[in-house]
Amino acid sequence: MKISIIMKSKLHFSSLVFAIIVTIGCNSQTITSGKKNSILTKTSASIINPFFTSIKNGNYNNALRELLSTNVDINLKDSSTVNLENKFNTINKYSGKFISERLLRKKEVGNDLGVYVYFVCYAKKFYRFTFTFYNNGNEIKIYKFSFDDSFDSELEDGMRLYTN
């Protein structure tokens, strides 16, 4: 009986900790909010913010192209880049109006590598956008951009650990 009560209180405590972490993460609206920002953070923000502004203004056709063109090493005519662009345009056409973006997680390795994960809301659906930036010593460039809609199933799986 005592063990059951202890297990339940630990489960409730774990649920509370998870809820606090999610709430703190969701209150981070932009990369540059909070403490003093690194050059990696500032440079990344100067590339990501115009990307979202273009989408907000309905210019999603060029938003991804402009984002990727900030790195001259990314071939915009490569089949994988064209495929990414087609998928990106499709989600913007069929997911409804763009509503908002919210920085969920920011992870940096010194001033060399930065990964920024956003929760992006449209009228009909939401997505996770992930931006990876790399500092090669001379300049900071977008290294990778990806998006997916599996965020909801991952949240559901995570929540299963905290239910009775």
N, C-alpha and C. Protein backbone atom coordinates (compact mmCIF):
# COMPACT_ATOMS: atom_id res chain seq x y z
N MET A 1 0.82 -1.18 0.00
CA MET A 1 0.00 0.00 0.00
C MET A 1 0.87 1.26 0.00
N LYS A 2 1.87 1.31 0.91
CA LYS A 2 2.75 2.47 0.95
C LYS A 2 3.53 2.61 -0.34
N ILE A 3 3.96 1.50 -0.90
CA ILE A 3 4.72 1.54 -2.15
C ILE A 3 3.86 2.11 -3.25
N SER A 4 2.60 1.74 -3.32
CA SER A 4 1.68 2.25 -4.33
C SER A 4 1.52 3.76 -4.21
N ILE A 5 1.40 4.25 -2.98
CA ILE A 5 1.25 5.70 -2.77
C ILE A 5 2.53 6.42 -3.17
N ILE A 6 3.68 5.87 -2.83
CA ILE A 6 4.95 6.48 -3.21
C ILE A 6 5.09 6.50 -4.72
N MET A 7 4.75 5.41 -5.40
CA MET A 7 4.84 5.34 -6.86
C MET A 7 3.94 6.39 -7.50
N LYS A 8 2.70 6.54 -6.98
CA LYS A 8 1.78 7.52 -7.53
C LYS A 8 2.29 8.94 -7.34
N SER A 9 2.87 9.23 -6.16
CA SER A 9 3.37 10.58 -5.92
C SER A 9 4.57 10.87 -6.82
N LYS A 10 5.42 9.87 -7.06
CA LYS A 10 6.54 10.06 -7.99
C LYS A 10 6.03 10.29 -9.39
N LEU A 11 4.98 9.57 -9.79
CA LEU A 11 4.39 9.74 -11.11
C LEU A 11 3.81 11.13 -11.27
N HIS A 12 3.10 11.60 -10.24
CA HIS A 12 2.54 12.95 -10.31
C HIS A 12 3.64 14.01 -10.33
N PHE A 13 4.70 13.81 -9.56
CA PHE A 13 5.82 14.73 -9.57
C PHE A 13 6.47 14.77 -10.95
N SER A 14 6.65 13.60 -11.57
CA SER A 14 7.23 13.53 -12.92
C SER A 14 6.35 14.25 -13.92
N SER A 15 5.04 14.10 -13.79
CA SER A 15 4.11 14.80 -14.68
C SER A 15 4.23 16.30 -14.51
N LEU A 16 4.35 16.74 -13.28
CA LEU A 16 4.49 18.17 -13.00
C LEU A 16 5.78 18.72 -13.59
N VAL A 17 6.88 18.01 -13.41
CA VAL A 17 8.17 18.44 -13.97
C VAL A 17 8.08 18.53 -15.48
N PHE A 18 7.48 17.54 -16.14
CA PHE A 18 7.33 17.54 -17.59
C PHE A 18 6.50 18.75 -18.03
N ALA A 19 5.38 19.02 -17.33
CA ALA A 19 4.53 20.16 -17.69
C ALA A 19 5.28 21.48 -17.55
N ILE A 20 6.10 21.61 -16.52
CA ILE A 20 6.89 22.83 -16.33
C ILE A 20 7.89 23.00 -17.46
N ILE A 21 8.56 21.92 -17.83
CA ILE A 21 9.54 21.98 -18.91
C ILE A 21 8.88 22.39 -20.22
N VAL A 22 7.73 21.80 -20.53
CA VAL A 22 7.01 22.15 -21.76
C VAL A 22 6.57 23.60 -21.72
N THR A 23 6.07 24.06 -20.58
CA THR A 23 5.62 25.45 -20.46
C THR A 23 6.77 26.42 -20.64
N ILE A 24 7.90 26.14 -20.03
CA ILE A 24 9.06 27.02 -20.18
C ILE A 24 9.51 27.05 -21.63
N GLY A 25 9.55 25.88 -22.26
CA GLY A 25 9.95 25.81 -23.66
C GLY A 25 9.01 26.57 -24.57
N CYS A 26 7.71 26.50 -24.29
CA CYS A 26 6.72 27.15 -25.14
C CYS A 26 6.68 28.66 -24.93
N ASN A 27 7.23 29.14 -23.85
CA ASN A 27 7.26 30.58 -23.62
C ASN A 27 8.43 31.25 -24.31
N SER A 28 9.30 30.49 -24.93
CA SER A 28 10.43 31.04 -25.66
C SER A 28 9.98 31.34 -27.08
N GLN A 29 9.63 32.58 -27.36
CA GLN A 29 9.05 32.93 -28.65
C GLN A 29 10.11 33.05 -29.75
N THR A 30 11.24 33.66 -29.44
CA THR A 30 12.24 33.86 -30.47
C THR A 30 13.60 33.39 -29.98
N ILE A 31 14.52 33.28 -30.90
CA ILE A 31 15.87 32.86 -30.54
C ILE A 31 16.53 33.86 -29.64
N THR A 32 16.31 35.13 -29.89
CA THR A 32 17.08 36.17 -29.22
C THR A 32 16.51 36.58 -27.88
N SER A 33 15.43 35.96 -27.40
CA SER A 33 14.91 36.33 -26.09
C SER A 33 15.79 35.77 -24.99
N GLY A 34 15.81 36.46 -23.86
CA GLY A 34 16.54 35.92 -22.71
C GLY A 34 17.92 36.50 -22.56
N LYS A 35 18.85 35.62 -22.13
CA LYS A 35 20.20 36.05 -21.77
C LYS A 35 21.01 36.53 -22.97
N LYS A 36 22.22 36.99 -22.70
CA LYS A 36 23.12 37.48 -23.74
C LYS A 36 23.31 36.42 -24.83
N ASN A 37 23.22 36.85 -26.06
CA ASN A 37 23.25 35.93 -27.18
C ASN A 37 24.62 35.84 -27.82
N SER A 38 24.95 34.64 -28.25
CA SER A 38 26.21 34.41 -28.95
C SER A 38 26.12 34.92 -30.38
N ILE A 39 27.25 35.01 -31.04
CA ILE A 39 27.27 35.40 -32.45
C ILE A 39 26.52 34.37 -33.28
N LEU A 40 26.59 33.11 -32.89
CA LEU A 40 25.85 32.05 -33.59
C LEU A 40 24.35 32.30 -33.49
N THR A 41 23.88 32.62 -32.30
CA THR A 41 22.45 32.90 -32.09
C THR A 41 22.01 34.13 -32.89
N LYS A 42 22.80 35.19 -32.84
CA LYS A 42 22.44 36.42 -33.55
C LYS A 42 22.40 36.20 -35.06
N THR A 43 23.39 35.51 -35.59
CA THR A 43 23.44 35.26 -37.02
C THR A 43 22.29 34.35 -37.46
N SER A 44 22.04 33.31 -36.68
CA SER A 44 20.94 32.40 -37.00
C SER A 44 19.61 33.13 -36.99
N ALA A 45 19.39 33.97 -35.99
CA ALA A 45 18.16 34.74 -35.90
C ALA A 45 17.99 35.67 -37.10
N SER A 46 19.11 36.23 -37.58
CA SER A 46 19.03 37.14 -38.73
C SER A 46 18.67 36.41 -40.02
N ILE A 47 18.75 35.09 -40.01
CA ILE A 47 18.36 34.29 -41.17
C ILE A 47 16.98 33.67 -40.96
N ILE A 48 16.70 33.19 -39.75
CA ILE A 48 15.42 32.53 -39.47
C ILE A 48 14.26 33.53 -39.43
N ASN A 49 14.46 34.68 -38.80
CA ASN A 49 13.37 35.65 -38.67
C ASN A 49 12.82 36.12 -40.01
N PRO A 50 13.65 36.46 -41.00
CA PRO A 50 13.10 36.82 -42.32
C PRO A 50 12.38 35.65 -43.01
N PHE A 51 12.83 34.43 -42.74
CA PHE A 51 12.16 33.24 -43.28
C PHE A 51 10.71 33.21 -42.80
N PHE A 52 10.51 33.37 -41.49
CA PHE A 52 9.14 33.34 -40.97
C PHE A 52 8.35 34.57 -41.40
N THR A 53 9.01 35.70 -41.53
CA THR A 53 8.32 36.91 -42.01
C THR A 53 7.80 36.70 -43.42
N SER A 54 8.59 36.07 -44.28
CA SER A 54 8.14 35.79 -45.65
C SER A 54 6.92 34.88 -45.65
N ILE A 55 6.92 33.87 -44.79
CA ILE A 55 5.77 32.97 -44.72
C ILE A 55 4.55 33.73 -44.21
N LYS A 56 4.72 34.55 -43.17
CA LYS A 56 3.61 35.33 -42.62
C LYS A 56 2.99 36.22 -43.68
N ASN A 57 3.84 36.75 -44.56
CA ASN A 57 3.37 37.65 -45.62
C ASN A 57 2.83 36.92 -46.84
N GLY A 58 2.75 35.58 -46.75
CA GLY A 58 2.21 34.79 -47.85
C GLY A 58 3.21 34.47 -48.94
N ASN A 59 4.47 34.78 -48.71
CA ASN A 59 5.51 34.57 -49.71
C ASN A 59 6.28 33.28 -49.42
N TYR A 60 5.55 32.20 -49.15
CA TYR A 60 6.20 30.93 -48.82
C TYR A 60 6.95 30.33 -49.99
N ASN A 61 6.56 30.68 -51.22
CA ASN A 61 7.25 30.16 -52.40
C ASN A 61 8.74 30.50 -52.38
N ASN A 62 9.05 31.71 -51.93
CA ASN A 62 10.44 32.15 -51.91
C ASN A 62 11.11 32.00 -50.55
N ALA A 63 10.34 31.77 -49.50
CA ALA A 63 10.91 31.73 -48.14
C ALA A 63 11.99 30.67 -48.02
N LEU A 64 11.70 29.45 -48.46
CA LEU A 64 12.67 28.37 -48.34
C LEU A 64 13.86 28.60 -49.26
N ARG A 65 13.59 29.06 -50.46
CA ARG A 65 14.67 29.32 -51.42
C ARG A 65 15.62 30.39 -50.87
N GLU A 66 15.07 31.44 -50.29
CA GLU A 66 15.89 32.50 -49.71
C GLU A 66 16.68 31.99 -48.51
N LEU A 67 16.06 31.15 -47.68
CA LEU A 67 16.75 30.56 -46.54
C LEU A 67 17.95 29.75 -47.00
N LEU A 68 17.72 28.84 -47.93
CA LEU A 68 18.79 27.95 -48.39
C LEU A 68 19.85 28.69 -49.20
N SER A 69 19.46 29.76 -49.88
CA SER A 69 20.43 30.49 -50.71
C SER A 69 21.44 31.27 -49.87
N THR A 70 21.21 31.35 -48.55
CA THR A 70 22.21 32.00 -47.69
C THR A 70 23.47 31.15 -47.57
N ASN A 71 23.40 29.89 -48.01
CA ASN A 71 24.59 29.02 -48.04
C ASN A 71 24.89 28.71 -49.50
N VAL A 72 25.98 29.26 -50.03
CA VAL A 72 26.34 29.05 -51.43
C VAL A 72 26.68 27.60 -51.74
N ASP A 73 26.94 26.79 -50.71
CA ASP A 73 27.26 25.38 -50.92
C ASP A 73 26.03 24.51 -51.13
N ILE A 74 24.84 25.06 -50.92
CA ILE A 74 23.61 24.31 -51.17
C ILE A 74 23.18 24.57 -52.60
N ASN A 75 23.09 23.50 -53.37
CA ASN A 75 22.67 23.58 -54.76
C ASN A 75 21.15 23.60 -54.82
N LEU A 76 20.57 24.73 -55.19
CA LEU A 76 19.12 24.88 -55.22
C LEU A 76 18.47 24.06 -56.33
N LYS A 77 19.28 23.57 -57.28
CA LYS A 77 18.73 22.76 -58.38
C LYS A 77 18.91 21.26 -58.15
N ASP A 78 19.54 20.91 -57.03
CA ASP A 78 19.72 19.50 -56.68
C ASP A 78 18.34 18.87 -56.44
N SER A 79 18.19 17.61 -56.81
CA SER A 79 16.88 16.95 -56.72
C SER A 79 16.36 16.89 -55.29
N SER A 80 17.22 16.70 -54.30
CA SER A 80 16.75 16.65 -52.91
C SER A 80 16.29 18.03 -52.44
N THR A 81 16.95 19.07 -52.90
CA THR A 81 16.54 20.44 -52.54
C THR A 81 15.22 20.79 -53.22
N VAL A 82 15.06 20.41 -54.48
CA VAL A 82 13.81 20.66 -55.20
C VAL A 82 12.67 19.89 -54.54
N ASN A 83 12.93 18.65 -54.13
CA ASN A 83 11.92 17.85 -53.45
C ASN A 83 11.50 18.49 -52.13
N LEU A 84 12.47 18.97 -51.35
CA LEU A 84 12.18 19.66 -50.10
C LEU A 84 11.33 20.90 -50.35
N GLU A 85 11.69 21.64 -51.38
CA GLU A 85 10.95 22.86 -51.72
C GLU A 85 9.52 22.53 -52.13
N ASN A 86 9.33 21.48 -52.91
CA ASN A 86 7.98 21.08 -53.33
C ASN A 86 7.12 20.67 -52.13
N LYS A 87 7.70 19.89 -51.22
CA LYS A 87 6.97 19.48 -50.01
C LYS A 87 6.64 20.68 -49.14
N PHE A 88 7.58 21.61 -49.03
CA PHE A 88 7.36 22.81 -48.23
C PHE A 88 6.23 23.65 -48.82
N ASN A 89 6.23 23.82 -50.13
CA ASN A 89 5.17 24.58 -50.78
C ASN A 89 3.82 23.89 -50.61
N THR A 90 3.81 22.57 -50.64
CA THR A 90 2.57 21.81 -50.47
C THR A 90 1.98 22.03 -49.08
N ILE A 91 2.81 21.95 -48.04
CA ILE A 91 2.25 22.15 -46.69
C ILE A 91 1.71 23.56 -46.53
N ASN A 92 2.36 24.52 -47.16
CA ASN A 92 1.87 25.90 -47.06
C ASN A 92 0.59 26.11 -47.84
N LYS A 93 0.39 25.37 -48.91
CA LYS A 93 -0.85 25.48 -49.70
C LYS A 93 -2.02 24.85 -48.98
N TYR A 94 -1.81 23.69 -48.36
CA TYR A 94 -2.92 22.88 -47.87
C TYR A 94 -3.11 22.88 -46.36
N SER A 95 -2.24 23.52 -45.62
CA SER A 95 -2.38 23.53 -44.16
C SER A 95 -3.12 24.76 -43.66
N GLY A 96 -3.56 25.60 -44.56
CA GLY A 96 -4.28 26.80 -44.17
C GLY A 96 -3.34 27.96 -43.90
N LYS A 97 -3.92 28.98 -43.32
CA LYS A 97 -3.17 30.21 -43.04
C LYS A 97 -2.11 29.96 -41.97
N PHE A 98 -0.93 30.55 -42.18
CA PHE A 98 0.13 30.52 -41.18
C PHE A 98 -0.33 31.33 -39.98
N ILE A 99 -0.20 30.75 -38.78
CA ILE A 99 -0.66 31.44 -37.58
C ILE A 99 0.52 31.94 -36.74
N SER A 100 1.46 31.06 -36.40
CA SER A 100 2.54 31.48 -35.52
C SER A 100 3.69 30.48 -35.52
N GLU A 101 4.81 30.93 -34.96
CA GLU A 101 5.95 30.05 -34.72
C GLU A 101 6.40 30.29 -33.29
N ARG A 102 6.91 29.24 -32.67
CA ARG A 102 7.37 29.34 -31.29
C ARG A 102 8.63 28.50 -31.14
N LEU A 103 9.69 29.12 -30.67
CA LEU A 103 10.93 28.39 -30.43
C LEU A 103 10.71 27.40 -29.29
N LEU A 104 10.90 26.11 -29.58
CA LEU A 104 10.76 25.08 -28.56
C LEU A 104 12.07 24.76 -27.88
N ARG A 105 13.11 24.68 -28.69
CA ARG A 105 14.40 24.21 -28.16
C ARG A 105 15.52 24.83 -28.96
N LYS A 106 16.55 25.22 -28.23
CA LYS A 106 17.76 25.76 -28.85
C LYS A 106 18.92 25.03 -28.23
N LYS A 107 19.77 24.46 -29.05
CA LYS A 107 20.95 23.77 -28.55
C LYS A 107 22.14 24.23 -29.37
N GLU A 108 23.17 24.69 -28.68
CA GLU A 108 24.38 25.14 -29.34
C GLU A 108 25.58 24.39 -28.79
N VAL A 109 26.52 24.12 -29.67
CA VAL A 109 27.79 23.53 -29.28
C VAL A 109 28.82 24.64 -29.48
N GLY A 110 29.09 25.35 -28.38
CA GLY A 110 29.98 26.50 -28.47
C GLY A 110 29.44 27.50 -29.47
N ASN A 111 30.32 28.00 -30.31
CA ASN A 111 29.94 28.88 -31.41
C ASN A 111 30.07 28.15 -32.74
N ASP A 112 30.10 26.81 -32.69
CA ASP A 112 30.34 26.02 -33.90
C ASP A 112 29.08 25.46 -34.55
N LEU A 113 28.11 25.07 -33.75
CA LEU A 113 26.93 24.41 -34.27
C LEU A 113 25.71 24.84 -33.46
N GLY A 114 24.63 25.14 -34.14
CA GLY A 114 23.39 25.52 -33.47
C GLY A 114 22.21 24.84 -34.10
N VAL A 115 21.34 24.28 -33.27
CA VAL A 115 20.11 23.65 -33.74
C VAL A 115 18.95 24.36 -33.05
N TYR A 116 17.98 24.81 -33.85
CA TYR A 116 16.84 25.56 -33.36
C TYR A 116 15.58 24.85 -33.83
N VAL A 117 14.74 24.46 -32.88
CA VAL A 117 13.53 23.70 -33.20
C VAL A 117 12.32 24.58 -32.88
N TYR A 118 11.45 24.73 -33.86
CA TYR A 118 10.27 25.57 -33.73
C TYR A 118 8.99 24.75 -33.85
N PHE A 119 8.00 25.14 -33.09
CA PHE A 119 6.64 24.64 -33.22
C PHE A 119 5.92 25.65 -34.11
N VAL A 120 5.43 25.22 -35.26
CA VAL A 120 4.86 26.13 -36.25
C VAL A 120 3.39 25.78 -36.47
N CYS A 121 2.52 26.76 -36.26
CA CYS A 121 1.08 26.54 -36.35
C CYS A 121 0.49 27.13 -37.62
N TYR A 122 -0.30 26.31 -38.30
CA TYR A 122 -1.13 26.73 -39.42
C TYR A 122 -2.58 26.52 -39.00
N ALA A 123 -3.52 27.02 -39.78
CA ALA A 123 -4.93 26.91 -39.42
C ALA A 123 -5.39 25.46 -39.30
N LYS A 124 -4.89 24.57 -40.14
CA LYS A 124 -5.37 23.19 -40.16
C LYS A 124 -4.42 22.19 -39.52
N LYS A 125 -3.18 22.56 -39.32
CA LYS A 125 -2.20 21.58 -38.88
C LYS A 125 -1.00 22.30 -38.26
N PHE A 126 -0.19 21.56 -37.51
CA PHE A 126 1.03 22.13 -36.97
C PHE A 126 2.22 21.25 -37.33
N TYR A 127 3.40 21.86 -37.31
CA TYR A 127 4.63 21.21 -37.74
C TYR A 127 5.76 21.55 -36.80
N ARG A 128 6.83 20.79 -36.94
CA ARG A 128 8.09 21.08 -36.27
C ARG A 128 9.08 21.45 -37.37
N PHE A 129 9.65 22.64 -37.27
CA PHE A 129 10.68 23.09 -38.20
C PHE A 129 12.01 23.05 -37.45
N THR A 130 13.03 22.45 -38.06
CA THR A 130 14.34 22.35 -37.44
C THR A 130 15.39 23.01 -38.35
N PHE A 131 16.10 23.95 -37.78
CA PHE A 131 17.15 24.69 -38.48
C PHE A 131 18.49 24.31 -37.84
N THR A 132 19.46 23.93 -38.66
CA THR A 132 20.80 23.64 -38.16
C THR A 132 21.77 24.61 -38.83
N PHE A 133 22.58 25.28 -38.01
CA PHE A 133 23.57 26.23 -38.51
C PHE A 133 24.96 25.76 -38.13
N TYR A 134 25.91 26.05 -39.01
CA TYR A 134 27.29 25.62 -38.81
C TYR A 134 28.22 26.81 -38.99
N ASN A 135 29.16 26.95 -38.07
CA ASN A 135 30.18 28.00 -38.16
C ASN A 135 31.48 27.33 -38.61
N ASN A 136 31.89 27.60 -39.83
CA ASN A 136 33.10 26.97 -40.37
C ASN A 136 34.37 27.76 -40.04
N GLY A 137 34.24 28.76 -39.19
CA GLY A 137 35.40 29.57 -38.82
C GLY A 137 35.45 30.87 -39.59
N ASN A 138 34.86 30.89 -40.78
CA ASN A 138 34.82 32.10 -41.60
C ASN A 138 33.44 32.75 -41.59
N GLU A 139 32.41 31.91 -41.58
CA GLU A 139 31.04 32.42 -41.59
C GLU A 139 30.10 31.37 -41.02
N ILE A 140 28.93 31.85 -40.60
CA ILE A 140 27.90 30.97 -40.08
C ILE A 140 26.86 30.79 -41.18
N LYS A 141 26.57 29.52 -41.50
CA LYS A 141 25.66 29.22 -42.60
C LYS A 141 24.58 28.25 -42.15
N ILE A 142 23.45 28.32 -42.85
CA ILE A 142 22.44 27.28 -42.66
C ILE A 142 23.07 25.99 -43.19
N TYR A 143 23.00 24.96 -42.40
CA TYR A 143 23.57 23.67 -42.80
C TYR A 143 22.46 22.71 -43.22
N LYS A 144 21.33 22.81 -42.52
CA LYS A 144 20.23 21.90 -42.80
C LYS A 144 18.92 22.51 -42.33
N PHE A 145 17.87 22.27 -43.10
CA PHE A 145 16.52 22.63 -42.70
C PHE A 145 15.64 21.42 -42.92
N SER A 146 14.79 21.14 -41.95
CA SER A 146 13.83 20.04 -42.12
C SER A 146 12.53 20.40 -41.41
N PHE A 147 11.48 19.71 -41.78
CA PHE A 147 10.19 19.89 -41.11
C PHE A 147 9.47 18.55 -41.11
N ASP A 148 8.59 18.41 -40.12
CA ASP A 148 7.79 17.18 -40.06
C ASP A 148 6.53 17.45 -39.26
N ASP A 149 5.60 16.51 -39.37
CA ASP A 149 4.34 16.63 -38.65
C ASP A 149 4.15 15.49 -37.65
N SER A 150 5.23 14.85 -37.25
CA SER A 150 5.14 13.75 -36.29
C SER A 150 5.25 14.24 -34.85
N PHE A 151 5.29 15.53 -34.68
CA PHE A 151 5.45 16.13 -33.36
C PHE A 151 4.32 15.70 -32.41
N ASP A 152 3.10 15.65 -32.91
CA ASP A 152 1.97 15.29 -32.06
C ASP A 152 2.06 13.85 -31.55
N SER A 153 2.47 12.93 -32.40
CA SER A 153 2.58 11.54 -31.95
C SER A 153 3.71 11.37 -30.92
N GLU A 154 4.78 12.14 -31.06
CA GLU A 154 5.86 12.10 -30.07
C GLU A 154 5.38 12.65 -28.72
N LEU A 155 4.58 13.71 -28.75
CA LEU A 155 4.02 14.24 -27.51
C LEU A 155 3.10 13.21 -26.85
N GLU A 156 2.26 12.57 -27.67
CA GLU A 156 1.36 11.54 -27.12
C GLU A 156 2.17 10.40 -26.51
N ASP A 157 3.20 9.95 -27.17
CA ASP A 157 4.03 8.88 -26.63
C ASP A 157 4.69 9.30 -25.32
N GLY A 158 5.16 10.53 -25.26
CA GLY A 158 5.77 11.04 -24.04
C GLY A 158 4.77 11.14 -22.91
N MET A 159 3.55 11.51 -23.22
CA MET A 159 2.52 11.65 -22.19
C MET A 159 2.08 10.29 -21.65
N ARG A 160 2.19 9.24 -22.44
CA ARG A 160 1.80 7.91 -21.98
C ARG A 160 2.60 7.47 -20.77
N LEU A 161 3.82 7.95 -20.67
CA LEU A 161 4.66 7.60 -19.53
C LEU A 161 4.11 8.19 -18.23
N TYR A 162 3.30 9.23 -18.34
CA TYR A 162 2.86 9.95 -17.16
C TYR A 162 1.38 9.73 -16.83
N THR A 163 0.74 8.77 -17.47
CA THR A 163 -0.66 8.49 -17.16
C THR A 163 -0.76 7.23 -16.34
N ASN A 164 -1.85 7.10 -15.64
CA ASN A 164 -2.06 5.91 -14.78
C ASN A 164 -2.37 4.68 -15.59
